[in-house]
N, C-alpha and C. Protein backbone atom coordinates (compact mmCIF):
# COMPACT_ATOMS: atom_id res chain seq x y z
N GLY A 1 103.05 -182.26 117.39
CA GLY A 1 103.00 -183.50 116.66
C GLY A 1 101.63 -184.17 116.78
N VAL A 2 101.07 -184.12 118.01
CA VAL A 2 99.76 -184.76 118.23
C VAL A 2 98.69 -184.01 117.46
N VAL A 3 98.74 -182.69 117.45
CA VAL A 3 97.76 -181.88 116.73
C VAL A 3 97.87 -182.15 115.23
N SER A 4 99.09 -182.24 114.71
CA SER A 4 99.28 -182.55 113.29
C SER A 4 98.71 -183.93 112.96
N PHE A 5 98.95 -184.91 113.83
CA PHE A 5 98.42 -186.26 113.61
C PHE A 5 96.90 -186.23 113.58
N ILE A 6 96.28 -185.57 114.52
CA ILE A 6 94.82 -185.49 114.58
C ILE A 6 94.28 -184.75 113.36
N LEU A 7 94.95 -183.66 112.96
CA LEU A 7 94.53 -182.92 111.77
C LEU A 7 94.60 -183.80 110.52
N CYS A 8 95.67 -184.59 110.39
CA CYS A 8 95.79 -185.51 109.24
C CYS A 8 94.67 -186.54 109.25
N ILE A 9 94.36 -187.09 110.40
CA ILE A 9 93.29 -188.08 110.52
C ILE A 9 91.96 -187.46 110.11
N VAL A 10 91.69 -186.25 110.55
CA VAL A 10 90.45 -185.55 110.20
C VAL A 10 90.39 -185.31 108.69
N VAL A 11 91.49 -184.86 108.09
CA VAL A 11 91.53 -184.62 106.65
C VAL A 11 91.30 -185.93 105.89
N PHE A 12 91.97 -187.01 106.29
CA PHE A 12 91.77 -188.30 105.65
C PHE A 12 90.32 -188.77 105.77
N PHE A 13 89.72 -188.56 106.94
CA PHE A 13 88.33 -188.96 107.15
C PHE A 13 87.41 -188.17 106.21
N ILE A 14 87.65 -186.87 106.09
CA ILE A 14 86.82 -186.03 105.22
C ILE A 14 87.00 -186.46 103.77
N LEU A 15 88.23 -186.71 103.34
CA LEU A 15 88.47 -187.17 101.97
C LEU A 15 87.78 -188.51 101.72
N PHE A 16 87.87 -189.42 102.69
CA PHE A 16 87.21 -190.72 102.54
C PHE A 16 85.69 -190.54 102.47
N TYR A 17 85.15 -189.66 103.26
CA TYR A 17 83.71 -189.46 103.33
C TYR A 17 83.16 -188.85 102.03
N ILE A 18 83.89 -187.91 101.42
CA ILE A 18 83.37 -187.26 100.21
C ILE A 18 83.80 -187.99 98.93
N ASP A 19 84.64 -189.01 99.03
CA ASP A 19 85.09 -189.76 97.85
C ASP A 19 83.93 -190.61 97.33
N ASP A 20 83.49 -190.35 96.08
CA ASP A 20 82.41 -191.13 95.50
C ASP A 20 82.88 -191.99 94.33
N SER A 21 84.17 -192.25 94.26
CA SER A 21 84.69 -193.07 93.16
C SER A 21 84.31 -194.54 93.38
N VAL A 22 84.21 -195.26 92.27
CA VAL A 22 83.84 -196.67 92.30
C VAL A 22 85.12 -197.50 92.32
N LYS A 23 85.27 -198.31 93.36
CA LYS A 23 86.49 -199.10 93.50
C LYS A 23 86.23 -200.61 93.43
N SER A 24 84.98 -201.00 93.50
CA SER A 24 84.66 -202.43 93.45
C SER A 24 83.30 -202.62 92.78
N SER A 25 82.99 -203.87 92.46
CA SER A 25 81.69 -204.13 91.84
C SER A 25 80.54 -203.84 92.80
N LYS A 26 80.79 -203.98 94.10
CA LYS A 26 79.76 -203.65 95.09
C LYS A 26 79.50 -202.14 95.09
N ASP A 27 80.57 -201.33 94.99
CA ASP A 27 80.40 -199.88 94.89
C ASP A 27 79.58 -199.50 93.65
N LEU A 28 79.87 -200.18 92.53
CA LEU A 28 79.14 -199.91 91.30
C LEU A 28 77.66 -200.26 91.45
N ALA A 29 77.37 -201.39 92.06
CA ALA A 29 75.98 -201.79 92.28
C ALA A 29 75.27 -200.79 93.18
N ASN A 30 75.94 -200.33 94.21
CA ASN A 30 75.33 -199.35 95.11
C ASN A 30 75.11 -198.00 94.42
N ALA A 31 76.06 -197.58 93.60
CA ALA A 31 75.95 -196.28 92.94
C ALA A 31 74.89 -196.28 91.85
N THR A 32 74.74 -197.37 91.12
CA THR A 32 73.80 -197.41 90.00
C THR A 32 72.47 -198.06 90.34
N GLU A 33 72.42 -198.73 91.49
CA GLU A 33 71.24 -199.48 91.90
C GLU A 33 70.85 -200.54 90.88
N ILE A 34 71.88 -201.09 90.20
CA ILE A 34 71.73 -202.16 89.23
C ILE A 34 72.62 -203.31 89.67
N THR A 35 72.14 -204.52 89.53
CA THR A 35 72.93 -205.68 89.90
C THR A 35 74.17 -205.79 89.01
N THR A 36 75.31 -206.02 89.63
CA THR A 36 76.52 -206.27 88.86
C THR A 36 76.82 -207.76 88.92
N LEU A 37 77.25 -208.30 87.80
CA LEU A 37 77.50 -209.73 87.72
C LEU A 37 78.90 -210.09 88.19
N GLY A 38 79.79 -209.14 88.24
CA GLY A 38 81.15 -209.41 88.67
C GLY A 38 82.12 -208.47 87.99
N TYR A 39 83.38 -208.78 88.08
CA TYR A 39 84.41 -207.98 87.46
C TYR A 39 85.54 -208.90 87.02
N LEU A 40 86.34 -208.42 86.10
CA LEU A 40 87.53 -209.14 85.66
C LEU A 40 88.72 -208.20 85.72
N PRO A 41 89.86 -208.69 86.19
CA PRO A 41 91.05 -207.83 86.24
C PRO A 41 91.67 -207.69 84.85
N LEU A 42 92.49 -206.68 84.72
CA LEU A 42 93.25 -206.49 83.49
C LEU A 42 94.29 -207.60 83.41
N LEU A 43 94.34 -208.28 82.27
CA LEU A 43 95.26 -209.40 82.11
C LEU A 43 96.58 -208.96 81.50
N ASN A 44 97.62 -209.66 81.88
CA ASN A 44 98.92 -209.51 81.23
C ASN A 44 98.76 -209.95 79.78
N SER A 45 99.30 -209.21 78.84
CA SER A 45 99.10 -209.51 77.42
C SER A 45 99.61 -210.89 77.02
N SER A 46 100.52 -211.47 77.79
CA SER A 46 101.02 -212.79 77.44
C SER A 46 100.00 -213.88 77.73
N LEU A 47 98.95 -213.57 78.46
CA LEU A 47 97.94 -214.58 78.79
C LEU A 47 96.73 -214.52 77.87
N LEU A 48 96.80 -213.77 76.78
CA LEU A 48 95.62 -213.58 75.95
C LEU A 48 95.35 -214.75 75.00
N GLN A 49 96.15 -215.78 75.01
CA GLN A 49 95.83 -217.00 74.28
C GLN A 49 94.86 -217.78 75.16
N LEU A 50 93.59 -217.84 74.76
CA LEU A 50 92.55 -218.36 75.65
C LEU A 50 92.78 -219.82 76.04
N GLN A 51 93.14 -220.66 75.10
CA GLN A 51 93.36 -222.06 75.44
C GLN A 51 94.52 -222.18 76.43
N GLN A 52 95.56 -221.37 76.23
CA GLN A 52 96.70 -221.38 77.13
C GLN A 52 96.30 -220.86 78.51
N LEU A 53 95.42 -219.88 78.54
CA LEU A 53 94.97 -219.31 79.80
C LEU A 53 94.33 -220.38 80.68
N TRP A 54 93.56 -221.28 80.09
CA TRP A 54 92.88 -222.31 80.88
C TRP A 54 93.81 -223.42 81.33
N ILE A 55 94.99 -223.51 80.72
CA ILE A 55 95.99 -224.50 81.13
C ILE A 55 96.94 -223.91 82.16
N ASP A 56 97.21 -222.61 82.05
CA ASP A 56 98.17 -221.92 82.89
C ASP A 56 97.77 -222.02 84.36
N LYS A 57 98.76 -222.21 85.22
CA LYS A 57 98.52 -222.36 86.67
C LYS A 57 99.03 -221.16 87.47
N SER A 58 99.32 -220.06 86.80
CA SER A 58 99.81 -218.88 87.53
C SER A 58 98.66 -218.28 88.34
N PRO A 59 98.97 -217.60 89.45
CA PRO A 59 97.91 -216.99 90.27
C PRO A 59 97.03 -216.03 89.48
N GLU A 60 97.62 -215.28 88.55
CA GLU A 60 96.86 -214.32 87.76
C GLU A 60 95.82 -215.03 86.89
N SER A 61 96.20 -216.10 86.22
CA SER A 61 95.26 -216.81 85.35
C SER A 61 94.23 -217.59 86.17
N ILE A 62 94.62 -218.14 87.30
CA ILE A 62 93.66 -218.85 88.16
C ILE A 62 92.60 -217.88 88.67
N ASN A 63 93.02 -216.69 89.09
CA ASN A 63 92.08 -215.66 89.56
C ASN A 63 91.12 -215.26 88.43
N TYR A 64 91.67 -215.03 87.24
CA TYR A 64 90.85 -214.64 86.09
C TYR A 64 89.82 -215.73 85.76
N LYS A 65 90.26 -216.98 85.73
CA LYS A 65 89.34 -218.10 85.42
C LYS A 65 88.25 -218.21 86.47
N ASN A 66 88.60 -218.08 87.74
CA ASN A 66 87.59 -218.18 88.79
C ASN A 66 86.57 -217.04 88.72
N LEU A 67 87.05 -215.83 88.46
CA LEU A 67 86.12 -214.69 88.31
C LEU A 67 85.25 -214.88 87.07
N LEU A 68 85.81 -215.40 85.99
CA LEU A 68 85.04 -215.65 84.77
C LEU A 68 83.98 -216.73 85.00
N ARG A 69 84.33 -217.75 85.75
CA ARG A 69 83.34 -218.79 86.10
C ARG A 69 82.21 -218.19 86.92
N ASP A 70 82.55 -217.30 87.87
CA ASP A 70 81.52 -216.64 88.67
C ASP A 70 80.58 -215.83 87.77
N ILE A 71 81.15 -215.10 86.82
CA ILE A 71 80.33 -214.30 85.90
C ILE A 71 79.46 -215.22 85.05
N ARG A 72 80.02 -216.32 84.56
CA ARG A 72 79.24 -217.28 83.77
C ARG A 72 78.06 -217.81 84.60
N PHE A 73 78.31 -218.12 85.86
CA PHE A 73 77.24 -218.60 86.75
C PHE A 73 76.17 -217.52 86.93
N GLU A 74 76.58 -216.29 87.16
CA GLU A 74 75.63 -215.19 87.35
C GLU A 74 74.82 -214.93 86.08
N ILE A 75 75.47 -215.00 84.93
CA ILE A 75 74.76 -214.80 83.66
C ILE A 75 73.72 -215.89 83.48
N ASN A 76 74.07 -217.14 83.76
CA ASN A 76 73.10 -218.23 83.65
C ASN A 76 71.90 -217.99 84.55
N ALA A 77 72.15 -217.52 85.76
CA ALA A 77 71.05 -217.26 86.70
C ALA A 77 70.17 -216.11 86.21
N GLU A 78 70.76 -215.07 85.66
CA GLU A 78 70.00 -213.92 85.20
C GLU A 78 69.24 -214.18 83.90
N MET A 79 69.78 -215.02 83.04
CA MET A 79 69.17 -215.21 81.71
C MET A 79 67.99 -216.17 81.72
N ASN A 80 67.86 -217.00 82.72
CA ASN A 80 66.71 -217.92 82.82
C ASN A 80 66.44 -218.68 81.53
N GLY A 81 67.47 -219.26 80.93
CA GLY A 81 67.29 -220.06 79.73
C GLY A 81 67.34 -219.30 78.42
N LEU A 82 67.40 -217.97 78.45
CA LEU A 82 67.54 -217.21 77.21
C LEU A 82 68.92 -217.49 76.61
N LYS A 83 69.04 -217.31 75.30
CA LYS A 83 70.27 -217.71 74.63
C LYS A 83 71.11 -216.57 74.08
N VAL A 84 70.60 -215.38 74.02
CA VAL A 84 71.33 -214.28 73.39
C VAL A 84 71.82 -213.32 74.47
N LEU A 85 73.11 -213.03 74.41
CA LEU A 85 73.73 -212.10 75.34
C LEU A 85 74.46 -211.03 74.52
N LEU A 86 74.18 -209.78 74.80
CA LEU A 86 74.82 -208.66 74.13
C LEU A 86 75.87 -208.07 75.05
N ILE A 87 77.07 -207.91 74.53
CA ILE A 87 78.15 -207.27 75.29
C ILE A 87 78.43 -205.94 74.61
N SER A 88 78.24 -204.87 75.34
CA SER A 88 78.33 -203.54 74.74
C SER A 88 78.95 -202.56 75.71
N SER A 89 79.43 -201.46 75.18
CA SER A 89 79.97 -200.37 75.97
C SER A 89 79.96 -199.12 75.12
N ILE A 90 79.97 -197.97 75.76
CA ILE A 90 79.98 -196.73 75.00
C ILE A 90 81.40 -196.24 74.73
N LYS A 91 82.40 -196.90 75.31
CA LYS A 91 83.78 -196.47 75.13
C LYS A 91 84.59 -197.56 74.42
N ASN A 92 85.62 -197.13 73.71
CA ASN A 92 86.54 -198.05 73.06
C ASN A 92 87.55 -198.59 74.07
N ARG A 93 88.14 -199.72 73.72
CA ARG A 93 89.27 -200.29 74.45
C ARG A 93 88.96 -200.58 75.91
N GLU A 94 87.77 -201.09 76.18
CA GLU A 94 87.41 -201.45 77.54
C GLU A 94 87.44 -202.95 77.78
N GLY A 95 87.77 -203.74 76.76
CA GLY A 95 87.90 -205.18 76.95
C GLY A 95 86.69 -205.99 76.54
N LYS A 96 85.80 -205.42 75.73
CA LYS A 96 84.60 -206.14 75.31
C LYS A 96 84.95 -207.39 74.50
N THR A 97 85.90 -207.25 73.58
CA THR A 97 86.26 -208.37 72.72
C THR A 97 86.89 -209.50 73.53
N ILE A 98 87.84 -209.17 74.37
CA ILE A 98 88.50 -210.20 75.19
C ILE A 98 87.50 -210.83 76.15
N PHE A 99 86.62 -210.02 76.72
CA PHE A 99 85.59 -210.57 77.60
C PHE A 99 84.67 -211.51 76.84
N ALA A 100 84.23 -211.10 75.65
CA ALA A 100 83.34 -211.96 74.85
C ALA A 100 84.03 -213.27 74.49
N LEU A 101 85.28 -213.19 74.05
CA LEU A 101 86.01 -214.41 73.72
C LEU A 101 86.22 -215.29 74.95
N SER A 102 86.59 -214.69 76.07
CA SER A 102 86.81 -215.45 77.30
C SER A 102 85.53 -216.12 77.78
N LEU A 103 84.43 -215.38 77.75
CA LEU A 103 83.15 -215.93 78.19
C LEU A 103 82.69 -217.05 77.26
N ALA A 104 82.85 -216.84 75.96
CA ALA A 104 82.48 -217.88 74.99
C ALA A 104 83.30 -219.14 75.23
N TYR A 105 84.58 -218.98 75.47
CA TYR A 105 85.43 -220.13 75.74
C TYR A 105 85.01 -220.82 77.04
N ALA A 106 84.66 -220.01 78.06
CA ALA A 106 84.21 -220.58 79.34
C ALA A 106 82.94 -221.41 79.15
N TYR A 107 82.04 -220.96 78.28
CA TYR A 107 80.83 -221.74 78.00
C TYR A 107 81.16 -222.99 77.20
N SER A 108 82.09 -222.88 76.27
CA SER A 108 82.42 -224.05 75.45
C SER A 108 83.08 -225.15 76.30
N ILE A 109 83.77 -224.76 77.35
CA ILE A 109 84.41 -225.75 78.23
C ILE A 109 83.37 -226.60 78.94
N ILE A 110 82.18 -226.05 79.18
CA ILE A 110 81.12 -226.84 79.81
C ILE A 110 80.16 -227.41 78.76
N ASN A 111 80.70 -227.60 77.55
CA ASN A 111 80.00 -228.25 76.44
C ASN A 111 78.77 -227.50 75.95
N LYS A 112 78.83 -226.19 75.96
CA LYS A 112 77.77 -225.37 75.36
C LYS A 112 78.20 -225.00 73.95
N LYS A 113 77.26 -225.02 73.01
CA LYS A 113 77.54 -224.56 71.65
C LYS A 113 77.53 -223.04 71.68
N VAL A 114 78.60 -222.44 71.18
CA VAL A 114 78.75 -220.99 71.29
C VAL A 114 78.98 -220.39 69.90
N LEU A 115 78.23 -219.34 69.61
CA LEU A 115 78.42 -218.56 68.39
C LEU A 115 78.59 -217.10 68.81
N LEU A 116 79.72 -216.53 68.44
CA LEU A 116 79.96 -215.11 68.66
C LEU A 116 79.67 -214.38 67.36
N ILE A 117 78.87 -213.34 67.43
CA ILE A 117 78.57 -212.53 66.26
C ILE A 117 79.17 -211.15 66.48
N ASP A 118 80.04 -210.75 65.59
CA ASP A 118 80.67 -209.43 65.69
C ASP A 118 79.69 -208.40 65.14
N GLY A 119 79.11 -207.62 66.03
CA GLY A 119 78.14 -206.61 65.63
C GLY A 119 78.73 -205.22 65.55
N ASN A 120 80.03 -205.09 65.71
CA ASN A 120 80.68 -203.79 65.63
C ASN A 120 81.10 -203.56 64.19
N PHE A 121 80.26 -202.90 63.43
CA PHE A 121 80.52 -202.71 62.01
C PHE A 121 81.60 -201.68 61.73
N THR A 122 81.80 -200.72 62.62
CA THR A 122 82.80 -199.70 62.36
C THR A 122 84.21 -200.13 62.77
N ASN A 123 84.32 -201.01 63.76
CA ASN A 123 85.62 -201.50 64.20
C ASN A 123 85.49 -202.97 64.58
N PRO A 124 85.45 -203.87 63.60
CA PRO A 124 85.21 -205.29 63.88
C PRO A 124 86.45 -206.01 64.43
N GLU A 125 86.78 -205.71 65.67
CA GLU A 125 87.98 -206.27 66.30
C GLU A 125 87.86 -207.79 66.47
N LEU A 126 86.68 -208.26 66.82
CA LEU A 126 86.47 -209.71 66.97
C LEU A 126 86.73 -210.43 65.65
N THR A 127 86.29 -209.84 64.56
CA THR A 127 86.53 -210.43 63.24
C THR A 127 88.03 -210.46 62.93
N LYS A 128 88.74 -209.41 63.29
CA LYS A 128 90.18 -209.37 63.05
C LYS A 128 90.91 -210.44 63.85
N ILE A 129 90.50 -210.63 65.10
CA ILE A 129 91.18 -211.61 65.97
C ILE A 129 90.84 -213.03 65.55
N ALA A 130 89.56 -213.32 65.32
CA ALA A 130 89.12 -214.69 65.06
C ALA A 130 89.32 -215.13 63.61
N ALA A 131 89.40 -214.20 62.69
CA ALA A 131 89.54 -214.51 61.26
C ALA A 131 88.53 -215.57 60.80
N PRO A 132 87.23 -215.26 60.94
CA PRO A 132 86.21 -216.25 60.57
C PRO A 132 86.10 -216.41 59.06
N THR A 133 85.47 -217.50 58.67
CA THR A 133 85.25 -217.75 57.24
C THR A 133 83.86 -217.30 56.81
N CYS A 134 83.00 -217.03 57.77
CA CYS A 134 81.62 -216.62 57.45
C CYS A 134 81.34 -215.25 58.06
N TYR A 135 80.49 -214.49 57.33
CA TYR A 135 80.20 -213.12 57.74
C TYR A 135 78.71 -212.90 57.87
N LEU A 136 78.34 -212.04 58.82
CA LEU A 136 76.94 -211.76 59.11
C LEU A 136 76.20 -211.24 57.88
N GLU A 137 76.80 -210.32 57.16
CA GLU A 137 76.14 -209.76 55.98
C GLU A 137 75.84 -210.86 54.95
N ASP A 138 76.79 -211.78 54.75
CA ASP A 138 76.59 -212.87 53.80
C ASP A 138 75.49 -213.82 54.28
N TYR A 139 75.45 -214.07 55.58
CA TYR A 139 74.41 -214.96 56.12
C TYR A 139 73.03 -214.33 55.95
N LEU A 140 72.91 -213.05 56.23
CA LEU A 140 71.61 -212.39 56.10
C LEU A 140 71.16 -212.30 54.64
N ASN A 141 72.12 -212.23 53.72
CA ASN A 141 71.79 -212.15 52.28
C ASN A 141 71.80 -213.51 51.59
N ASN A 142 71.78 -214.59 52.37
CA ASN A 142 71.74 -215.98 51.87
C ASN A 142 72.94 -216.35 51.01
N LYS A 143 74.07 -215.70 51.19
CA LYS A 143 75.29 -216.10 50.50
C LYS A 143 76.06 -217.15 51.31
N THR A 144 75.72 -217.26 52.59
CA THR A 144 76.30 -218.25 53.49
C THR A 144 75.17 -218.99 54.17
N SER A 145 75.29 -220.32 54.23
CA SER A 145 74.25 -221.11 54.89
C SER A 145 74.64 -221.37 56.35
N ILE A 146 73.67 -221.81 57.10
CA ILE A 146 73.93 -222.09 58.51
C ILE A 146 74.91 -223.24 58.66
N GLY A 147 74.91 -224.16 57.71
CA GLY A 147 75.85 -225.27 57.74
C GLY A 147 77.29 -224.83 57.57
N GLN A 148 77.52 -223.74 56.85
CA GLN A 148 78.87 -223.22 56.66
C GLN A 148 79.37 -222.51 57.92
N ILE A 149 78.47 -221.99 58.71
CA ILE A 149 78.85 -221.28 59.93
C ILE A 149 79.32 -222.27 60.99
N LYS A 150 78.59 -223.36 61.14
CA LYS A 150 78.93 -224.35 62.16
C LYS A 150 80.17 -225.12 61.74
N THR A 151 81.18 -225.03 62.57
CA THR A 151 82.42 -225.75 62.32
C THR A 151 82.76 -226.58 63.55
N ASP A 152 83.88 -227.24 63.50
CA ASP A 152 84.34 -228.02 64.66
C ASP A 152 85.18 -227.19 65.61
N GLU A 153 85.19 -225.88 65.40
CA GLU A 153 85.95 -224.99 66.28
C GLU A 153 85.33 -225.01 67.68
N ILE A 154 86.13 -224.64 68.67
CA ILE A 154 85.65 -224.59 70.05
C ILE A 154 84.57 -223.52 70.17
N VAL A 155 84.83 -222.37 69.56
CA VAL A 155 83.87 -221.27 69.54
C VAL A 155 83.71 -220.84 68.09
N ASN A 156 82.49 -220.82 67.58
CA ASN A 156 82.23 -220.37 66.21
C ASN A 156 82.04 -218.86 66.22
N VAL A 157 82.57 -218.21 65.17
CA VAL A 157 82.49 -216.76 65.07
C VAL A 157 81.88 -216.38 63.74
N LEU A 158 80.90 -215.51 63.79
CA LEU A 158 80.29 -214.93 62.60
C LEU A 158 80.75 -213.47 62.55
N GLY A 159 81.70 -213.19 61.67
CA GLY A 159 82.29 -211.86 61.60
C GLY A 159 81.45 -210.91 60.77
N ASN A 160 82.01 -209.75 60.50
CA ASN A 160 81.37 -208.81 59.58
C ASN A 160 82.45 -208.15 58.74
N HIS A 161 82.05 -207.61 57.62
CA HIS A 161 83.00 -207.05 56.66
C HIS A 161 83.54 -205.69 57.07
N GLY A 162 83.00 -205.10 58.12
CA GLY A 162 83.53 -203.84 58.61
C GLY A 162 83.11 -202.62 57.82
N THR A 163 81.97 -202.70 57.17
CA THR A 163 81.46 -201.53 56.46
C THR A 163 80.58 -200.72 57.38
N ASP A 164 80.42 -199.47 57.10
CA ASP A 164 79.64 -198.58 57.95
C ASP A 164 78.15 -198.72 57.63
N VAL A 165 77.54 -199.80 58.14
CA VAL A 165 76.12 -200.06 57.93
C VAL A 165 75.50 -200.50 59.25
N SER A 166 74.19 -200.57 59.27
CA SER A 166 73.49 -201.16 60.40
C SER A 166 72.77 -202.40 59.90
N LEU A 167 72.29 -203.21 60.80
CA LEU A 167 71.60 -204.44 60.40
C LEU A 167 70.41 -204.17 59.50
N LEU A 168 69.64 -203.16 59.83
CA LEU A 168 68.44 -202.87 59.04
C LEU A 168 68.76 -202.31 57.66
N GLU A 169 70.00 -201.89 57.44
CA GLU A 169 70.41 -201.48 56.11
C GLU A 169 70.81 -202.70 55.27
N ILE A 170 71.06 -203.80 55.92
CA ILE A 170 71.43 -205.04 55.21
C ILE A 170 70.18 -205.81 54.80
N LYS A 171 69.28 -206.01 55.76
CA LYS A 171 68.02 -206.72 55.51
C LYS A 171 66.93 -206.13 56.41
N ASN A 172 65.69 -206.47 56.11
CA ASN A 172 64.59 -205.94 56.93
C ASN A 172 64.46 -206.74 58.22
N GLN A 173 63.68 -206.23 59.14
CA GLN A 173 63.55 -206.80 60.47
C GLN A 173 63.01 -208.23 60.44
N THR A 174 62.12 -208.53 59.54
CA THR A 174 61.54 -209.87 59.45
C THR A 174 62.62 -210.90 59.12
N VAL A 175 63.45 -210.60 58.13
CA VAL A 175 64.52 -211.53 57.74
C VAL A 175 65.54 -211.67 58.86
N ILE A 176 65.89 -210.57 59.49
CA ILE A 176 66.86 -210.62 60.60
C ILE A 176 66.32 -211.48 61.73
N THR A 177 65.06 -211.31 62.08
CA THR A 177 64.45 -212.11 63.13
C THR A 177 64.44 -213.58 62.77
N GLU A 178 64.08 -213.91 61.53
CA GLU A 178 64.08 -215.31 61.09
C GLU A 178 65.47 -215.92 61.16
N LYS A 179 66.47 -215.18 60.70
CA LYS A 179 67.84 -215.69 60.69
C LYS A 179 68.38 -215.87 62.11
N MET A 180 68.06 -214.95 63.00
CA MET A 180 68.53 -215.07 64.38
C MET A 180 67.82 -216.22 65.09
N THR A 181 66.56 -216.43 64.78
CA THR A 181 65.82 -217.57 65.34
C THR A 181 66.45 -218.88 64.88
N GLU A 182 66.84 -218.93 63.61
CA GLU A 182 67.50 -220.09 63.05
C GLU A 182 68.82 -220.37 63.79
N LEU A 183 69.59 -219.32 64.08
CA LEU A 183 70.84 -219.48 64.80
C LEU A 183 70.61 -219.91 66.25
N LYS A 184 69.57 -219.34 66.90
CA LYS A 184 69.28 -219.70 68.29
C LYS A 184 68.89 -221.17 68.41
N ALA A 185 68.27 -221.73 67.35
CA ALA A 185 67.90 -223.14 67.40
C ALA A 185 69.13 -224.05 67.37
N LEU A 186 70.20 -223.58 66.77
CA LEU A 186 71.41 -224.39 66.64
C LEU A 186 72.38 -224.16 67.82
N TYR A 187 72.41 -222.97 68.33
CA TYR A 187 73.36 -222.64 69.41
C TYR A 187 72.65 -222.38 70.71
């Protein structure tokens, strides 16, 4: 029995030693040698109403809000006054849309003007969820003015029509830069 116990301990130690999986944001930072801003847990689907999430007092929503506040604080520290934040991933269904909406709402709660731009032209999930009245393609082609984009909503969303195009296929770089500068001045 003692030999079996010692053998099990040795096997567990070897497995622990050779295990290189990432289990926390600290592990990720150590493995990639890149600063991680934090992490968010997977939410119960019933908590995906953002305004309700901030009112809810359940331990799950309180934990999510606190972690989101930490990430908001870290982003502010890293951005040094810059206004544009890109949320991206190479895989589908990783929570980019919910994270973007949650973060935008977290900024709006501290009285920041927030504009979310759905840049996913092949699968515009943010546009589907937010159902905006203004679209990026229309704004770049002067069919929508900046005054039409700004609403009294908590978070303003500039959607896209979901066509398979890139920004440079819609307008040239000069126009895109001018339009984004115009938006940065307002938000």
